[in-house]
Amino acid sequence: MRCLASVTLAVAACSFTPGGDPPGHASDGGNPGMGHDAPAMITPDACPDADHDGVCDAVDKCPGADDHVDSDGDGIPDGCDDWPCGLRPGKPDDPLIYGAYNHLQSVAGQTLDGNGRLDVATTGNNVVLGFGYGLSVDCNGFASQPPPTCRVQIEVGLGTSKIGCILDGFVTSGQGYAGTANGMFPAPSPGLYEVRVSTAVDSGGCSGDWTNGTPSSSQTIAYLCVH
């Protein structure tokens, strides 16, 4: 009986209540208590992030800039986005073949600021436009006699808004012409613009609206992104 009693006391002396220190123990200077001492947390080293934007270098889209800043929502951070007008459009065909429509037969080698058919400009800065063209005109009663000649313009605009003329001169009716046209215009307010062309015969000048109505998107020769 005495042996059984001594075993029972030994067990009782080792009991504890979860969350507290056993009698005779303290967690703040004495022997550590068994109840609420938390195990040490081991935190793995963070991945390298040289530009401190919260994106690991291994998957950083734009090293050196904040991957979270994407003003035009195209999935490319601003710091690495060379087309800040949303999704980059496809380049218009080169050359554009119009057949006999509006007397302008073809436009080829079009370039804005020497950057081909896609260009980015800053509002207010001048944009240089150039392209090669093929032209054949039936003066249709506008001809002076002799010889049968008439005045022809190649009109240029941004979308539905005409800017002016990139070519203005006299041609002989029915004769084919090929040449290079060059001009310059100020970049408008920020946005994405289609550069379109059309022709006019004996319009008398380059002011005013499109002579033969607004050209369609099929007459787009370049895209201009203004920021």
C-alpha atoms as a PDB file:
ATOM      1  CA  MET A   1       0.000   0.000   0.000  1.00  0.00           C
ATOM      2  CA  ARG A   2       2.773   2.444   0.823  1.00  0.00           C
ATOM      3  CA  CYS A   3       4.425   1.737  -2.539  1.00  0.00           C
ATOM      4  CA  LEU A   4       1.213   2.456  -4.473  1.00  0.00           C
ATOM      5  CA  ALA A   5       0.694   5.710  -2.568  1.00  0.00           C
ATOM      6  CA  SER A   6       4.199   6.960  -3.347  1.00  0.00           C
ATOM      7  CA  VAL A   7       3.657   6.348  -7.073  1.00  0.00           C
ATOM      8  CA  THR A   8       0.406   8.315  -7.019  1.00  0.00           C
ATOM      9  CA  LEU A   9       2.101  11.311  -5.378  1.00  0.00           C
ATOM     10  CA  ALA A  10       4.909  11.283  -7.914  1.00  0.00           C
ATOM     11  CA  VAL A  11       2.421  11.542 -10.765  1.00  0.00           C
ATOM     12  CA  ALA A  12       0.503  14.329  -9.064  1.00  0.00           C
ATOM     13  CA  ALA A  13       3.668  16.361  -8.535  1.00  0.00           C
ATOM     14  CA  CYS A  14       4.306  16.383 -12.293  1.00  0.00           C
ATOM     15  CA  SER A  15       0.868  17.568 -13.377  1.00  0.00           C
ATOM     16  CA  PHE A  16       0.282  21.097 -14.858  1.00  0.00           C
ATOM     17  CA  THR A  17      -2.454  23.278 -16.203  1.00  0.00           C
ATOM     18  CA  PRO A  18      -2.108  24.288 -19.864  1.00  0.00           C
ATOM     19  CA  GLY A  19      -1.403  27.970 -20.215  1.00  0.00           C
ATOM     20  CA  GLY A  20       0.224  28.526 -16.812  1.00  0.00           C
ATOM     21  CA  ASP A  21       3.430  27.849 -14.978  1.00  0.00           C
ATOM     22  CA  PRO A  22       3.625  24.895 -12.611  1.00  0.00           C
ATOM     23  CA  PRO A  23       4.126  25.737  -8.962  1.00  0.00           C
ATOM     24  CA  GLY A  24       7.671  26.892  -8.264  1.00  0.00           C
ATOM     25  CA  HIS A  25       8.357  27.901 -11.925  1.00  0.00           C
ATOM     26  CA  ALA A  26       8.355  31.284 -13.635  1.00  0.00           C
ATOM     27  CA  SER A  27       8.776  32.172 -17.315  1.00  0.00           C
ATOM     28  CA  ASP A  28      10.266  35.607 -16.640  1.00  0.00           C
ATOM     29  CA  GLY A  29      13.508  34.823 -14.897  1.00  0.00           C
ATOM     30  CA  GLY A  30      13.205  31.482 -13.149  1.00  0.00           C
ATOM     31  CA  ASN A  31      13.034  28.097 -14.740  1.00  0.00           C
ATOM     32  CA  PRO A  32      10.973  28.344 -17.950  1.00  0.00           C
ATOM     33  CA  GLY A  33       7.386  27.392 -17.492  1.00  0.00           C
ATOM     34  CA  MET A  34       6.005  24.582 -19.549  1.00  0.00           C
ATOM     35  CA  GLY A  35       2.625  26.179 -20.195  1.00  0.00           C
ATOM     36  CA  HIS A  36       2.882  29.211 -22.480  1.00  0.00           C
ATOM     37  CA  ASP A  37       6.430  29.551 -23.768  1.00  0.00           C
ATOM     38  CA  ALA A  38       6.027  29.734 -27.626  1.00  0.00           C
ATOM     39  CA  PRO A  39       8.492  27.908 -29.838  1.00  0.00           C
ATOM     40  CA  ALA A  40      10.940  30.097 -31.772  1.00  0.00           C
ATOM     41  CA  MET A  41       9.666  30.992 -35.265  1.00  0.00           C
ATOM     42  CA  ILE A  42      12.047  30.361 -38.153  1.00  0.00           C
ATOM     43  CA  THR A  43      11.456  32.764 -41.079  1.00  0.00           C
ATOM     44  CA  PRO A  44      13.118  31.882 -44.378  1.00  0.00           C
ATOM     45  CA  ASP A  45      15.169  34.612 -46.052  1.00  0.00           C
ATOM     46  CA  ALA A  46      13.086  36.788 -48.430  1.00  0.00           C
ATOM     47  CA  CYS A  47      13.805  36.481 -52.171  1.00  0.00           C
ATOM     48  CA  PRO A  48      16.143  39.096 -53.693  1.00  0.00           C
ATOM     49  CA  ASP A  49      14.285  42.296 -54.685  1.00  0.00           C
ATOM     50  CA  ALA A  50      16.819  44.829 -55.928  1.00  0.00           C
ATOM     51  CA  ASP A  51      14.304  47.567 -56.788  1.00  0.00           C
ATOM     52  CA  HIS A  52      12.251  47.068 -53.595  1.00  0.00           C
ATOM     53  CA  ASP A  53       8.907  46.910 -55.384  1.00  0.00           C
ATOM     54  CA  GLY A  54       7.762  43.760 -53.604  1.00  0.00           C
ATOM     55  CA  VAL A  55       8.371  41.543 -56.647  1.00  0.00           C
ATOM     56  CA  CYS A  56      11.183  38.988 -56.555  1.00  0.00           C
ATOM     57  CA  ASP A  57      13.991  39.651 -59.004  1.00  0.00           C
ATOM     58  CA  ALA A  58      13.441  36.249 -60.600  1.00  0.00           C
ATOM     59  CA  VAL A  59       9.951  37.254 -61.803  1.00  0.00           C
ATOM     60  CA  ASP A  60      10.338  41.044 -61.950  1.00  0.00           C
ATOM     61  CA  LYS A  61       8.849  42.360 -65.218  1.00  0.00           C
ATOM     62  CA  CYS A  62      10.618  45.698 -65.010  1.00  0.00           C
ATOM     63  CA  PRO A  63      13.859  45.664 -62.989  1.00  0.00           C
ATOM     64  CA  GLY A  64      14.614  49.071 -61.554  1.00  0.00           C
ATOM     65  CA  ALA A  65      10.997  50.284 -61.594  1.00  0.00           C
ATOM     66  CA  ASP A  66       7.784  49.530 -59.736  1.00  0.00           C
ATOM     67  CA  ASP A  67       6.004  46.584 -61.350  1.00  0.00           C
ATOM     68  CA  HIS A  68       2.718  47.708 -59.787  1.00  0.00           C
ATOM     69  CA  VAL A  69       2.484  50.980 -61.743  1.00  0.00           C
ATOM     70  CA  ASP A  70       0.745  50.345 -65.083  1.00  0.00           C
ATOM     71  CA  SER A  71      -1.081  53.525 -66.107  1.00  0.00           C
ATOM     72  CA  ASP A  72      -2.449  52.246 -69.427  1.00  0.00           C
ATOM     73  CA  GLY A  73      -3.431  48.795 -68.165  1.00  0.00           C
ATOM     74  CA  ASP A  74      -1.590  46.796 -70.819  1.00  0.00           C
ATOM     75  CA  GLY A  75       0.221  44.528 -68.373  1.00  0.00           C
ATOM     76  CA  ILE A  76       3.572  46.254 -68.887  1.00  0.00           C
ATOM     77  CA  PRO A  77       4.852  48.417 -65.992  1.00  0.00           C
ATOM     78  CA  ASP A  78       5.257  52.078 -66.901  1.00  0.00           C
ATOM     79  CA  GLY A  79       9.016  51.953 -66.331  1.00  0.00           C
ATOM     80  CA  CYS A  80       9.445  49.507 -69.226  1.00  0.00           C
ATOM     81  CA  ASP A  81       6.482  50.458 -71.442  1.00  0.00           C
ATOM     82  CA  ASP A  82       7.554  51.991 -74.756  1.00  0.00           C
ATOM     83  CA  TRP A  83       3.913  52.210 -75.958  1.00  0.00           C
ATOM     84  CA  PRO A  84       1.963  54.093 -73.237  1.00  0.00           C
ATOM     85  CA  CYS A  85      -1.374  53.975 -75.086  1.00  0.00           C
ATOM     86  CA  GLY A  86      -2.753  50.595 -74.061  1.00  0.00           C
ATOM     87  CA  LEU A  87      -2.215  47.501 -76.168  1.00  0.00           C
ATOM     88  CA  ARG A  88       0.169  48.074 -79.053  1.00  0.00           C
ATOM     89  CA  PRO A  89      -1.710  47.986 -82.396  1.00  0.00           C
ATOM     90  CA  GLY A  90      -0.533  46.034 -85.399  1.00  0.00           C
ATOM     91  CA  LYS A  91       1.329  47.990 -88.050  1.00  0.00           C
ATOM     92  CA  PRO A  92      -0.736  49.146 -91.046  1.00  0.00           C
ATOM     93  CA  ASP A  93       0.070  47.379 -94.280  1.00  0.00           C
ATOM     94  CA  ASP A  94       2.988  48.623 -96.330  1.00  0.00           C
ATOM     95  CA  PRO A  95       2.289  49.440 -99.054  1.00  0.00           C
ATOM     96  CA  LEU A  96      -1.369  50.362 -98.892  1.00  0.00           C
ATOM     97  CA  ILE A  97      -2.996  49.750-102.248  1.00  0.00           C
ATOM     98  CA  TYR A  98      -6.106  51.788-103.000  1.00  0.00           C
ATOM     99  CA  GLY A  99      -6.580  50.954-106.658  1.00  0.00           C
ATOM    100  CA  ALA A 100      -8.127  53.922-108.435  1.00  0.00           C
ATOM    101  CA  TYR A 101     -10.028  55.078-105.336  1.00  0.00           C
ATOM    102  CA  ASN A 102      -9.790  58.832-104.905  1.00  0.00           C
ATOM    103  CA  HIS A 103      -6.847  58.924-107.348  1.00  0.00           C
ATOM    104  CA  LEU A 104      -4.327  57.755-104.689  1.00  0.00           C
ATOM    105  CA  GLN A 105      -3.007  54.399-105.822  1.00  0.00           C
ATOM    106  CA  SER A 106      -0.471  53.489-103.130  1.00  0.00           C
ATOM    107  CA  VAL A 107       1.376  54.640-100.022  1.00  0.00           C
ATOM    108  CA  ALA A 108       4.604  52.919 -99.015  1.00  0.00           C
ATOM    109  CA  GLY A 109       7.502  53.324 -96.601  1.00  0.00           C
ATOM    110  CA  GLN A 110       5.455  55.507 -94.287  1.00  0.00           C
ATOM    111  CA  THR A 111       7.331  56.738 -91.227  1.00  0.00           C
ATOM    112  CA  LEU A 112       6.680  58.996 -88.238  1.00  0.00           C
ATOM    113  CA  ASP A 113       9.790  60.629 -86.768  1.00  0.00           C
ATOM    114  CA  GLY A 114      11.832  57.934 -88.484  1.00  0.00           C
ATOM    115  CA  ASN A 115      10.199  55.261 -86.307  1.00  0.00           C
ATOM    116  CA  GLY A 116       8.216  53.464 -88.973  1.00  0.00           C
ATOM    117  CA  ARG A 117       4.446  53.120 -88.750  1.00  0.00           C
ATOM    118  CA  LEU A 118       4.215  53.235 -84.939  1.00  0.00           C
ATOM    119  CA  ASP A 119       5.450  56.325 -83.115  1.00  0.00           C
ATOM    120  CA  VAL A 120       5.292  57.809 -79.607  1.00  0.00           C
ATOM    121  CA  ALA A 121       5.346  61.594 -79.236  1.00  0.00           C
ATOM    122  CA  THR A 122       4.889  64.193 -76.518  1.00  0.00           C
ATOM    123  CA  THR A 123       2.037  66.694 -76.722  1.00  0.00           C
ATOM    124  CA  GLY A 124       3.152  69.889 -78.455  1.00  0.00           C
ATOM    125  CA  ASN A 125       6.282  68.407 -80.024  1.00  0.00           C
ATOM    126  CA  ASN A 126       6.491  68.306 -83.805  1.00  0.00           C
ATOM    127  CA  VAL A 127       5.927  64.977 -85.557  1.00  0.00           C
ATOM    128  CA  VAL A 128       7.594  64.422 -88.935  1.00  0.00           C
ATOM    129  CA  LEU A 129       5.601  62.352 -91.437  1.00  0.00           C
ATOM    130  CA  GLY A 130       6.994  60.955 -94.656  1.00  0.00           C
ATOM    131  CA  PHE A 131       6.022  58.298 -97.199  1.00  0.00           C
ATOM    132  CA  GLY A 132       6.303  57.320-100.814  1.00  0.00           C
ATOM    133  CA  TYR A 133       3.213  57.511-102.991  1.00  0.00           C
ATOM    134  CA  GLY A 134       1.824  56.442-106.326  1.00  0.00           C
ATOM    135  CA  LEU A 135      -0.734  58.727-107.951  1.00  0.00           C
ATOM    136  CA  SER A 136      -2.796  58.775-111.120  1.00  0.00           C
ATOM    137  CA  VAL A 137      -5.483  61.392-111.731  1.00  0.00           C
ATOM    138  CA  ASP A 138      -8.294  61.770-114.189  1.00  0.00           C
ATOM    139  CA  CYS A 139      -8.905  65.474-113.992  1.00  0.00           C
ATOM    140  CA  ASN A 140     -12.599  64.910-114.757  1.00  0.00           C
ATOM    141  CA  GLY A 141     -13.442  68.282-116.258  1.00  0.00           C
ATOM    142  CA  PHE A 142     -11.102  70.203-113.972  1.00  0.00           C
ATOM    143  CA  ALA A 143      -8.428  70.164-116.645  1.00  0.00           C
ATOM    144  CA  SER A 144      -7.092  73.327-118.155  1.00  0.00           C
ATOM    145  CA  GLN A 145      -6.599  73.205-121.919  1.00  0.00           C
ATOM    146  CA  PRO A 146      -4.011  72.540-123.174  1.00  0.00           C
ATOM    147  CA  PRO A 147      -2.478  70.423-121.683  1.00  0.00           C
ATOM    148  CA  PRO A 148      -5.121  68.665-119.534  1.00  0.00           C
ATOM    149  CA  THR A 149      -3.784  69.418-116.055  1.00  0.00           C
ATOM    150  CA  CYS A 150      -5.361  69.913-112.647  1.00  0.00           C
ATOM    151  CA  ARG A 151      -4.360  70.685-109.085  1.00  0.00           C
ATOM    152  CA  VAL A 152      -4.086  67.715-106.694  1.00  0.00           C
ATOM    153  CA  GLN A 153      -3.560  67.480-102.946  1.00  0.00           C
ATOM    154  CA  ILE A 154      -2.749  64.549-100.680  1.00  0.00           C
ATOM    155  CA  GLU A 155      -4.607  65.342 -97.474  1.00  0.00           C
ATOM    156  CA  VAL A 156      -3.481  64.065 -94.073  1.00  0.00           C
ATOM    157  CA  GLY A 157      -5.348  63.813 -90.795  1.00  0.00           C
ATOM    158  CA  LEU A 158      -5.538  62.169 -87.399  1.00  0.00           C
ATOM    159  CA  GLY A 159      -8.579  59.928 -87.397  1.00  0.00           C
ATOM    160  CA  THR A 160     -11.548  61.959 -88.582  1.00  0.00           C
ATOM    161  CA  SER A 161      -9.786  65.324 -88.174  1.00  0.00           C
ATOM    162  CA  LYS A 162      -7.918  66.699 -91.157  1.00  0.00           C
ATOM    163  CA  ILE A 163      -4.556  68.370 -90.463  1.00  0.00           C
ATOM    164  CA  GLY A 164      -3.689  69.700 -93.912  1.00  0.00           C
ATOM    165  CA  CYS A 165      -1.879  68.657 -97.072  1.00  0.00           C
ATOM    166  CA  ILE A 166       1.413  66.846 -97.443  1.00  0.00           C
ATOM    167  CA  LEU A 167       1.386  67.348-101.221  1.00  0.00           C
ATOM    168  CA  ASP A 168      -0.127  70.158-103.295  1.00  0.00           C
ATOM    169  CA  GLY A 169       0.671  70.515-107.000  1.00  0.00           C
ATOM    170  CA  PHE A 170      -0.399  70.239-110.626  1.00  0.00           C
ATOM    171  CA  VAL A 171      -0.518  66.968-112.561  1.00  0.00           C
ATOM    172  CA  THR A 172      -1.382  65.930-116.076  1.00  0.00           C
ATOM    173  CA  SER A 173      -4.609  63.990-116.433  1.00  0.00           C
ATOM    174  CA  GLY A 174      -4.139  60.231-116.779  1.00  0.00           C
ATOM    175  CA  GLN A 175      -0.412  60.318-116.124  1.00  0.00           C
ATOM    176  CA  GLY A 176       1.102  58.221-113.351  1.00  0.00           C
ATOM    177  CA  TYR A 177       3.194  59.895-110.671  1.00  0.00           C
ATOM    178  CA  ALA A 178       5.460  58.505-107.988  1.00  0.00           C
ATOM    179  CA  GLY A 179       7.331  60.492-105.406  1.00  0.00           C
ATOM    180  CA  THR A 180       8.032  61.158-101.747  1.00  0.00           C
ATOM    181  CA  ALA A 181       5.892  63.357 -99.532  1.00  0.00           C
ATOM    182  CA  ASN A 182       7.139  64.926 -96.310  1.00  0.00           C
ATOM    183  CA  GLY A 183       5.469  67.138 -93.740  1.00  0.00           C
ATOM    184  CA  MET A 184       5.342  68.077 -90.088  1.00  0.00           C
ATOM    185  CA  PHE A 185       2.584  68.708 -87.535  1.00  0.00           C
ATOM    186  CA  PRO A 186       2.374  69.263 -83.741  1.00  0.00           C
ATOM    187  CA  ALA A 187       1.389  66.295 -81.592  1.00  0.00           C
ATOM    188  CA  PRO A 188      -2.123  66.848 -80.182  1.00  0.00           C
ATOM    189  CA  SER A 189      -3.457  66.046 -76.700  1.00  0.00           C
ATOM    190  CA  PRO A 190      -2.578  62.620 -75.213  1.00  0.00           C
ATOM    191  CA  GLY A 191      -4.220  59.621 -76.844  1.00  0.00           C
ATOM    192  CA  LEU A 192      -3.952  57.096 -79.681  1.00  0.00           C
ATOM    193  CA  TYR A 193      -4.441  58.414 -83.217  1.00  0.00           C
ATOM    194  CA  GLU A 194      -4.734  56.877 -86.680  1.00  0.00           C
ATOM    195  CA  VAL A 195      -2.815  58.803 -89.332  1.00  0.00           C
ATOM    196  CA  ARG A 196      -4.992  58.738 -92.473  1.00  0.00           C
ATOM    197  CA  VAL A 197      -4.552  60.041 -96.020  1.00  0.00           C
ATOM    198  CA  SER A 198      -6.837  60.981 -98.880  1.00  0.00           C
ATOM    199  CA  THR A 199      -6.610  62.972-102.130  1.00  0.00           C
ATOM    200  CA  ALA A 200      -8.464  65.922-103.583  1.00  0.00           C
ATOM    201  CA  VAL A 201      -8.573  67.290-107.128  1.00  0.00           C
ATOM    202  CA  ASP A 202      -8.708  71.047-107.741  1.00  0.00           C
ATOM    203  CA  SER A 203      -9.876  71.718-104.202  1.00  0.00           C
ATOM    204  CA  GLY A 204      -8.232  75.140-104.401  1.00  0.00           C
ATOM    205  CA  GLY A 205      -6.300  74.727-101.182  1.00  0.00           C
ATOM    206  CA  CYS A 206      -5.600  72.694 -98.077  1.00  0.00           C
ATOM    207  CA  SER A 207      -7.724  74.448 -95.483  1.00  0.00           C
ATOM    208  CA  GLY A 208     -11.057  73.159 -94.249  1.00  0.00           C
ATOM    209  CA  ASP A 209     -12.361  69.619 -93.865  1.00  0.00           C
ATOM    210  CA  TRP A 210     -11.655  66.522 -95.965  1.00  0.00           C
ATOM    211  CA  THR A 211     -12.552  67.368 -99.560  1.00  0.00           C
ATOM    212  CA  ASN A 212     -14.108  63.993-100.364  1.00  0.00           C
ATOM    213  CA  GLY A 213     -15.384  63.031 -96.925  1.00  0.00           C
ATOM    214  CA  THR A 214     -13.650  61.445 -93.979  1.00  0.00           C
ATOM    215  CA  PRO A 215     -11.366  58.580 -95.062  1.00  0.00           C
ATOM    216  CA  SER A 216     -12.059  55.215 -93.484  1.00  0.00           C
ATOM    217  CA  SER A 217      -9.723  53.214 -91.267  1.00  0.00           C
ATOM    218  CA  SER A 218      -8.635  51.333 -94.407  1.00  0.00           C
ATOM    219  CA  GLN A 219      -6.701  54.507 -95.291  1.00  0.00           C
ATOM    220  CA  THR A 220      -4.736  54.473 -92.030  1.00  0.00           C
ATOM    221  CA  ILE A 221      -1.022  54.537 -92.793  1.00  0.00           C
ATOM    222  CA  ALA A 222       0.424  54.821 -89.248  1.00  0.00           C
ATOM    223  CA  TYR A 223      -0.453  55.018 -85.547  1.00  0.00           C
ATOM    224  CA  LEU A 224       0.625  57.854 -83.274  1.00  0.00           C
ATOM    225  CA  CYS A 225       0.670  57.470 -79.483  1.00  0.00           C
ATOM    226  CA  VAL A 226       0.762  60.859 -77.739  1.00  0.00           C
ATOM    227  CA  HIS A 227       1.545  61.184 -74.036  1.00  0.00           C
END
